[in-house]
Protein backbone atom coordinates (compact mmCIF):
# COMPACT_ATOMS: atom_id res chain seq x y z
CA MET A 1 -0.07 -0.18 -0.05
CA ASN A 2 0.90 3.66 -0.26
CA ILE A 3 -0.89 5.65 2.45
CA PRO A 4 -0.16 9.34 2.57
CA LEU A 5 0.20 11.16 5.86
CA ALA A 6 -2.77 13.56 5.00
CA SER A 7 -5.23 14.12 2.45
CA GLN A 8 -7.88 16.82 1.80
CA ASP A 9 -11.55 16.00 1.52
CA ILE A 10 -12.59 17.89 -1.39
CA SER A 11 -16.24 17.27 -2.87
CA ASP A 12 -18.24 18.42 -6.02
CA LEU A 13 -19.55 21.13 -3.98
CA GLU A 14 -16.34 22.79 -3.48
CA ILE A 15 -15.41 22.36 -6.99
CA LYS A 16 -18.51 24.00 -8.01
CA VAL A 17 -18.23 26.98 -5.60
CA VAL A 18 -14.66 27.86 -6.77
CA ASN A 19 -15.84 27.69 -10.46
CA GLU A 20 -18.61 30.08 -9.54
CA VAL A 21 -16.08 32.42 -7.82
CA LEU A 22 -13.78 32.18 -10.87
CA ARG A 23 -16.62 33.15 -13.23
CA SER A 24 -17.71 36.06 -11.31
CA GLU A 25 -16.32 39.58 -11.16
CA ARG A 26 -14.71 39.35 -7.60
CA LEU A 27 -11.69 37.32 -7.16
CA SER A 28 -10.78 39.37 -3.98
CA LEU A 29 -12.67 41.51 -1.52
CA GLY A 30 -15.89 40.03 -2.66
CA PRO A 31 -19.02 38.49 -1.15
CA LYS A 32 -17.43 35.00 -0.29
CA ILE A 33 -15.26 36.16 2.45
CA GLU A 34 -18.22 37.48 4.37
CA ASN A 35 -20.32 34.10 3.71
CA PHE A 36 -17.22 32.16 4.91
CA GLU A 37 -16.79 34.41 8.10
CA LYS A 38 -20.54 34.09 8.79
CA ALA A 39 -20.25 30.36 8.60
CA VAL A 40 -17.47 30.00 10.98
CA CYS A 41 -18.85 32.44 13.51
CA ASP A 42 -22.35 30.44 13.32
CA PHE A 43 -20.53 27.29 13.68
CA VAL A 44 -18.38 28.20 16.89
CA GLY A 45 -20.77 30.59 18.29
CA CYS A 46 -19.02 33.98 18.09
CA LYS A 47 -19.63 37.37 16.90
CA TYR A 48 -17.02 38.32 14.58
CA ALA A 49 -14.36 37.02 12.38
CA ALA A 50 -11.71 38.18 9.96
CA ALA A 51 -10.58 35.72 7.26
CA VAL A 52 -6.73 35.87 6.37
CA ASN A 53 -4.41 34.24 4.34
CA SER A 54 -3.00 31.86 6.98
CA GLY A 55 -3.22 30.74 10.54
CA THR A 56 0.06 32.59 11.21
CA SER A 57 -1.19 35.70 9.88
CA ALA A 58 -4.17 35.31 12.30
CA LEU A 59 -1.97 34.85 15.11
CA HIS A 60 0.08 37.91 14.22
CA ILE A 61 -2.69 40.36 14.08
CA ALA A 62 -4.26 38.86 17.17
CA MET A 63 -0.95 39.95 19.18
CA ILE A 64 -1.24 43.32 17.77
CA ALA A 65 -4.82 43.82 18.48
CA ALA A 66 -4.29 42.48 21.99
CA GLY A 67 -1.87 45.49 22.40
CA ILE A 68 1.29 43.08 22.85
CA GLY A 69 4.58 44.47 21.98
CA PRO A 70 8.26 44.91 22.50
CA GLY A 71 9.20 44.13 25.94
CA ASP A 72 6.15 42.19 26.80
CA GLU A 73 6.15 38.38 27.56
CA VAL A 74 3.69 35.78 26.46
CA ILE A 75 3.57 32.41 28.34
CA THR A 76 3.20 29.51 25.78
CA SER A 77 3.94 26.00 24.90
CA SER A 78 7.19 24.75 22.99
CA PHE A 79 5.24 21.66 21.95
CA SER A 80 3.60 23.32 18.96
CA PHE A 81 4.04 24.25 15.41
CA ILE A 82 6.53 27.18 15.27
CA ALA A 83 3.99 29.69 14.02
CA SER A 84 2.64 30.02 17.53
CA SER A 85 5.79 31.32 19.16
CA ASN A 86 6.96 33.22 15.99
CA SER A 87 3.73 35.45 16.28
CA ILE A 88 4.99 36.67 19.58
CA LEU A 89 8.40 37.42 18.25
CA TYR A 90 6.85 39.21 15.07
CA VAL A 91 5.65 42.09 17.69
CA GLY A 92 8.74 42.23 19.53
CA ALA A 93 7.66 40.23 22.62
CA LYS A 94 9.10 37.28 24.13
CA PRO A 95 7.69 33.89 24.28
CA VAL A 96 8.21 32.24 27.85
CA PHE A 97 7.92 28.45 27.59
CA VAL A 98 6.45 26.26 30.37
CA ASP A 99 6.40 22.66 30.20
CA ILE A 100 3.56 20.22 29.17
CA ASP A 101 1.48 17.74 30.85
CA PRO A 102 3.07 14.26 30.14
CA GLU A 103 -0.33 12.63 29.16
CA THR A 104 -2.46 15.01 27.37
CA TRP A 105 0.75 16.80 25.91
CA GLN A 106 -1.21 20.15 26.48
CA ILE A 107 0.49 23.16 28.15
CA ASP A 108 0.43 22.49 32.01
CA PRO A 109 -1.64 25.12 33.74
CA ASN A 110 0.09 24.10 37.07
CA LYS A 111 3.33 25.61 35.49
CA ILE A 112 2.17 28.67 34.37
CA GLU A 113 1.99 31.13 37.47
CA ALA A 114 5.73 30.37 38.30
CA ALA A 115 6.67 31.58 34.79
CA ILE A 116 4.54 35.09 35.25
CA THR A 117 6.85 38.26 35.59
CA PRO A 118 6.19 42.00 35.80
CA ARG A 119 6.48 41.94 31.86
CA THR A 120 4.03 39.18 31.34
CA LYS A 121 1.24 40.39 29.15
CA ALA A 122 -0.67 37.38 27.93
CA ILE A 123 -1.01 33.32 27.86
CA LEU A 124 -1.12 31.57 24.31
CA PRO A 125 -2.47 28.19 25.00
CA VAL A 126 -2.02 25.75 21.96
CA HIS A 127 -4.84 23.19 21.46
CA VAL A 128 -2.43 20.51 20.26
CA PHE A 129 -3.65 17.87 17.88
CA GLY A 130 -7.28 18.85 18.16
CA GLN A 131 -7.60 18.48 21.93
CA PRO A 132 -8.23 21.78 23.83
CA ALA A 133 -6.02 22.80 26.66
CA GLN A 134 -7.58 23.09 29.93
CA MET A 135 -9.11 26.58 29.79
CA LYS A 136 -10.85 26.87 33.16
CA PRO A 137 -7.41 27.10 35.18
CA ILE A 138 -5.87 29.12 32.43
CA MET A 139 -8.63 31.68 32.29
CA GLU A 140 -8.67 31.83 36.15
CA ILE A 141 -4.87 32.58 36.14
CA ALA A 142 -5.35 35.16 33.81
CA LYS A 143 -7.94 36.83 35.44
CA LYS A 144 -5.87 37.02 38.81
CA HIS A 145 -2.94 38.44 37.10
CA ASN A 146 -4.97 40.66 34.61
CA LEU A 147 -3.42 38.72 31.69
CA THR A 148 -4.74 38.35 28.07
CA VAL A 149 -5.62 35.06 26.70
CA ILE A 150 -5.35 34.29 22.90
CA GLU A 151 -6.29 30.77 21.94
CA ASP A 152 -3.97 29.10 19.13
CA SER A 153 -6.85 26.99 18.00
CA CYS A 154 -5.21 26.48 14.44
CA GLU A 155 -5.25 22.68 14.87
CA ALA A 156 -8.77 22.49 16.72
CA ILE A 157 -11.74 23.95 14.72
CA GLY A 158 -15.01 22.34 16.22
CA ALA A 159 -13.20 21.13 19.39
CA ALA A 160 -14.81 22.12 22.68
CA ILE A 161 -14.07 22.12 26.20
CA ASP A 162 -16.86 22.23 29.06
CA GLY A 163 -19.28 22.70 26.28
CA LYS A 164 -17.69 25.62 24.93
CA LYS A 165 -15.73 25.82 21.30
CA VAL A 166 -12.34 26.49 21.42
CA GLY A 167 -11.29 29.95 20.03
CA THR A 168 -14.24 31.74 21.91
CA ILE A 169 -13.06 31.50 25.26
CA GLY A 170 -9.92 33.85 25.31
CA LEU A 171 -9.97 37.50 23.96
CA CYS A 172 -9.47 35.69 20.56
CA GLY A 173 -8.88 32.80 18.73
CA ALA A 174 -7.10 31.59 15.43
CA PHE A 175 -7.91 28.98 12.97
CA ALA A 176 -5.66 27.78 10.25
CA PHE A 177 -6.83 25.95 6.93
CA TYR A 178 -3.86 24.46 5.31
CA PRO A 179 -4.85 21.15 3.44
CA ASN A 180 -4.00 18.84 6.15
CA LYS A 181 -6.35 20.51 8.52
CA GLN A 182 -9.88 19.53 9.23
CA ILE A 183 -11.15 21.81 6.64
CA THR A 184 -9.07 23.64 4.29
CA THR A 185 -9.21 26.93 2.13
CA GLY A 186 -5.85 25.71 0.16
CA GLU A 187 -4.14 28.38 2.13
CA GLY A 188 -5.80 30.44 4.93
CA GLY A 189 -6.85 31.22 8.51
CA ILE A 190 -9.03 33.16 10.29
CA LEU A 191 -9.21 35.19 13.50
CA ILE A 192 -12.41 35.06 15.69
CA THR A 193 -13.53 37.22 18.60
CA ASN A 194 -16.33 38.51 20.67
CA ASP A 195 -14.59 41.85 21.09
CA GLU A 196 -15.70 44.49 18.58
CA HIS A 197 -12.39 46.59 18.74
CA VAL A 198 -10.23 43.20 18.20
CA ALA A 199 -12.51 42.29 14.96
CA ARG A 200 -12.04 46.00 13.70
CA MET A 201 -8.27 46.15 14.15
CA ALA A 202 -8.15 42.59 12.62
CA ARG A 203 -10.03 43.62 9.48
CA SER A 204 -7.71 46.98 9.03
CA LEU A 205 -4.71 45.06 9.69
CA ARG A 206 -5.13 42.35 7.17
CA ASN A 207 -6.06 45.09 4.50
CA GLN A 208 -2.85 47.06 4.74
CA GLY A 209 -4.21 49.29 7.61
CA ARG A 210 -7.14 50.61 5.92
CA GLY A 211 -10.10 51.82 7.82
CA GLU A 212 -13.45 50.89 7.40
CA GLY A 213 -14.98 52.82 4.67
CA ALA A 214 -11.55 54.32 3.65
CA THR A 215 -10.47 54.84 0.03
CA TRP A 216 -8.01 52.36 -1.47
CA LEU A 217 -5.14 54.69 -0.87
CA CYS A 218 -5.90 55.77 2.82
CA HIS A 219 -4.27 53.97 5.55
CA GLU A 220 -4.68 54.46 9.36
CA ARG A 221 -2.18 52.30 10.66
CA LEU A 222 0.82 50.05 9.80
CA GLY A 223 -0.99 47.01 8.36
CA TYR A 224 -0.25 43.96 6.10
CA ASN A 225 -1.56 42.18 2.81
CA TYR A 226 -2.94 39.30 4.77
CA ARG A 227 -6.21 39.32 2.74
CA MET A 228 -7.77 35.90 1.83
CA SER A 229 -8.91 35.58 -1.78
CA ASP A 230 -12.63 34.84 -2.59
CA ILE A 231 -11.37 31.67 -4.20
CA ASN A 232 -10.04 30.52 -1.08
CA ALA A 233 -13.14 31.88 0.89
CA GLY A 234 -15.61 30.09 -1.40
CA LEU A 235 -13.66 26.78 -0.70
CA GLY A 236 -13.76 27.37 2.71
CA TRP A 237 -17.55 28.41 2.80
CA ALA A 238 -18.15 25.01 0.80
CA GLN A 239 -15.98 23.14 3.34
CA MET A 240 -17.97 24.50 6.35
CA GLN A 241 -21.16 22.95 4.80
CA ARG A 242 -19.70 19.80 5.32
CA ILE A 243 -17.61 20.43 8.58
CA ASP A 244 -20.07 18.07 10.82
CA TYR A 245 -19.47 15.03 8.59
CA ILE A 246 -15.63 15.72 8.05
CA ILE A 247 -15.04 15.93 12.02
CA ASN A 248 -17.47 12.91 12.70
CA LYS A 249 -15.47 10.88 10.01
CA ARG A 250 -12.14 11.92 11.34
CA SER A 251 -13.20 10.80 14.84
CA THR A 252 -14.23 7.48 13.36
CA VAL A 253 -10.67 7.14 11.89
CA ALA A 254 -9.00 8.13 15.22
CA GLN A 255 -11.19 5.42 16.98
CA TRP A 256 -10.15 2.90 14.49
CA TYR A 257 -6.48 3.58 15.49
CA THR A 258 -7.23 3.80 19.19
CA ASP A 259 -8.93 0.44 19.27
CA ARG A 260 -5.84 -1.21 17.49
CA LEU A 261 -3.31 0.57 19.52
CA LYS A 262 -4.47 1.51 22.87
CA ASP A 263 -3.12 -1.94 24.40
CA TYR A 264 0.25 -2.15 22.65
CA SER A 265 2.89 -1.56 25.15
CA ASP A 266 5.68 -0.09 22.75
CA LEU A 267 3.46 2.78 22.20
CA ILE A 268 1.72 5.49 24.13
CA LEU A 269 -1.47 7.60 22.92
CA GLN A 270 -2.45 10.87 23.79
CA LYS A 271 -4.68 10.97 26.76
CA ILE A 272 -8.11 12.64 25.96
CA GLU A 273 -9.60 14.39 28.77
CA PRO A 274 -13.30 13.59 29.69
CA ASN A 275 -14.38 17.26 29.83
CA VAL A 276 -13.33 17.90 25.79
CA GLU A 277 -14.71 17.24 22.55
CA MET A 278 -12.00 16.26 20.37
CA SER A 279 -11.54 17.67 16.61
CA TRP A 280 -9.09 15.25 15.27
CA PHE A 281 -6.05 17.19 13.25
CA VAL A 282 -3.69 14.40 13.16
CA TYR A 283 -3.23 11.06 14.82
CA VAL A 284 -0.04 11.16 16.81
CA VAL A 285 1.66 8.30 18.77
CA ARG A 286 4.66 8.07 20.84
CA LEU A 287 7.30 5.50 21.41
CA ALA A 288 7.62 4.11 24.92
CA ASP A 289 10.16 5.52 27.01
CA ARG A 290 12.80 3.05 26.51
CA PHE A 291 13.07 4.12 22.81
CA SER A 292 15.58 6.67 21.75
CA ILE A 293 15.33 9.39 19.07
CA GLU A 294 17.58 7.25 16.91
CA GLN A 295 15.32 4.52 17.01
CA ARG A 296 12.46 6.81 16.11
CA ALA A 297 14.35 7.87 13.01
CA LYS A 298 14.91 4.38 11.91
CA LEU A 299 11.31 3.61 12.44
CA LEU A 300 10.00 6.37 10.34
CA LYS A 301 12.43 5.44 7.64
CA LEU A 302 11.21 2.13 7.59
CA LEU A 303 7.38 2.88 7.45
CA THR A 304 8.10 5.23 4.74
CA GLN A 305 9.69 2.21 3.05
CA ASN A 306 6.78 0.20 3.32
CA GLY A 307 4.57 3.11 1.82
CA ILE A 308 3.23 4.79 5.07
CA GLY A 309 3.53 8.45 5.63
CA CYS A 310 4.73 9.47 8.73
CA ASN A 311 6.45 12.66 10.37
CA PRO A 312 7.97 13.84 13.72
CA TYR A 313 5.34 15.74 15.72
CA PHE A 314 6.64 17.90 17.25
CA SER A 315 10.23 19.05 17.19
CA PRO A 316 10.43 21.47 20.42
CA ILE A 317 10.26 25.02 19.16
CA HIS A 318 12.75 26.07 21.98
CA LEU A 319 15.34 23.66 20.49
CA GLN A 320 14.86 25.08 16.98
CA LYS A 321 18.18 26.59 15.57
CA TYR A 322 16.90 30.27 15.50
CA TYR A 323 15.58 29.93 18.98
CA ARG A 324 18.71 28.44 20.29
CA ASP A 325 20.75 31.10 18.56
CA GLN A 326 18.78 34.22 19.20
CA LEU A 327 17.12 33.52 22.80
CA GLY A 328 19.65 31.18 24.22
CA HIS A 329 17.50 28.25 24.77
CA ARG A 330 19.34 24.66 25.61
CA GLU A 331 18.24 21.19 26.11
CA GLY A 332 17.10 20.45 29.53
CA GLU A 333 15.02 23.44 29.89
CA LEU A 334 11.60 21.61 29.51
CA PRO A 335 11.99 17.88 30.15
CA ILE A 336 8.60 16.64 29.27
CA THR A 337 8.36 18.54 25.90
CA GLU A 338 11.65 17.29 25.06
CA HIS A 339 11.19 13.66 26.12
CA ILE A 340 7.95 13.30 23.91
CA GLY A 341 9.20 15.61 21.09
CA GLN A 342 11.65 12.93 20.86
CA ARG A 343 9.63 9.98 20.64
CA SER A 344 6.24 11.18 19.18
CA PHE A 345 5.27 11.03 15.30
CA ALA A 346 2.05 11.10 13.21
CA ILE A 347 0.64 8.39 11.08
CA PRO A 348 -1.37 8.50 8.10
CA PHE A 349 -4.73 10.49 9.07
CA SER A 350 -7.66 11.88 6.82
CA THR A 351 -11.49 11.15 6.04
CA LYS A 352 -10.20 9.32 3.00
CA ILE A 353 -8.52 6.43 4.82
CA THR A 354 -10.39 3.09 5.16
CA GLN A 355 -10.46 0.59 7.72
CA THR A 356 -8.28 -1.62 5.84
CA GLN A 357 -5.55 0.87 5.37
CA VAL A 358 -5.60 1.46 9.30
CA ASP A 359 -5.13 -2.20 9.89
CA TYR A 360 -2.22 -2.48 7.52
CA VAL A 361 -0.50 0.93 9.14
CA CYS A 362 -1.08 -0.82 12.69
CA ASP A 363 -0.03 -4.29 11.59
CA THR A 364 3.13 -2.85 9.96
CA LEU A 365 4.01 -0.40 12.76
CA LYS A 366 3.92 -3.04 15.49
CA LYS A 367 6.09 -5.58 13.12
CA LEU A 368 8.75 -2.64 12.42
CA ILE A 369 8.88 -1.62 16.07
CA GLY A 370 10.33 -5.04 16.69
CA GLN A 371 13.19 -4.25 14.16
CA ILE A 372 14.51 -1.20 15.81
């Protein structure tokens, strides 16, 4: 078999809508943007949204709209895609990393308060792999210390905790729509919020700093070309019509994997807390503690040779070259993050994968672990 790590789920509806946009007079700044934003707002239960060209852009403008700038510190997780921390650096602030829970792999709320300093301005929890971080204690800490909470929900559209959709709990949240996400716009992201000021700022910042109602060459603030095209937005709107099906199908695939792997002692699965509703982004497993990073590398090579897509998830941000060189981070700072980061990896996951393919992945995975 040849099973890719990820595959987008595109139906005839998406093709039809994109073709309609291409035949229209508006490829950008047209009605599909508003339609897509409304669909996302209705789905998650928020007032405002600003569609942009990537989840990274959404996080960047969220930082600006929240008033975070040079000299500020933002507490976050190193067990994440690098965009979450890069967005903090973009505004001249400093990411302050705390370790993760060893079972859920989410930022550990019990470690946050110790990292707060007079310069701390915000907390950026990351809903890793589609499981919400434990937001109740995070929000309590934020309230106690007068901190802003921005949710990196880029991997978790549709996920919920204590009955509330992620992205709607803090000041604002960001979703991303790269082709391996639950839904895709090709490239794209969106900022969501219930705060009108943040929404107005986001819409201005994404459009070169133009104000509402301003003419094309009038700019009120330093902005960016972070606009989403109507082609992308049309694709996103069509995907939103199918999002319940997509999330449910991904949940089914995840359950197939869990049923096959949960009792296998050489692998450890992410613990899913009982108060969360998962929106599966990827299916990540980690090798048991006795395995080394070299053995993981050998395993991934063998999986690839057997037609099984795979990839390490995640390489800790604080150990990336730029963060080592510029911020002075070193190994040993975040022992749990580093330990899990050295042993975790993603296996094929999408709505298109069949139960037969899942069986092949699991059988092959178990066989190859015995060879490393």
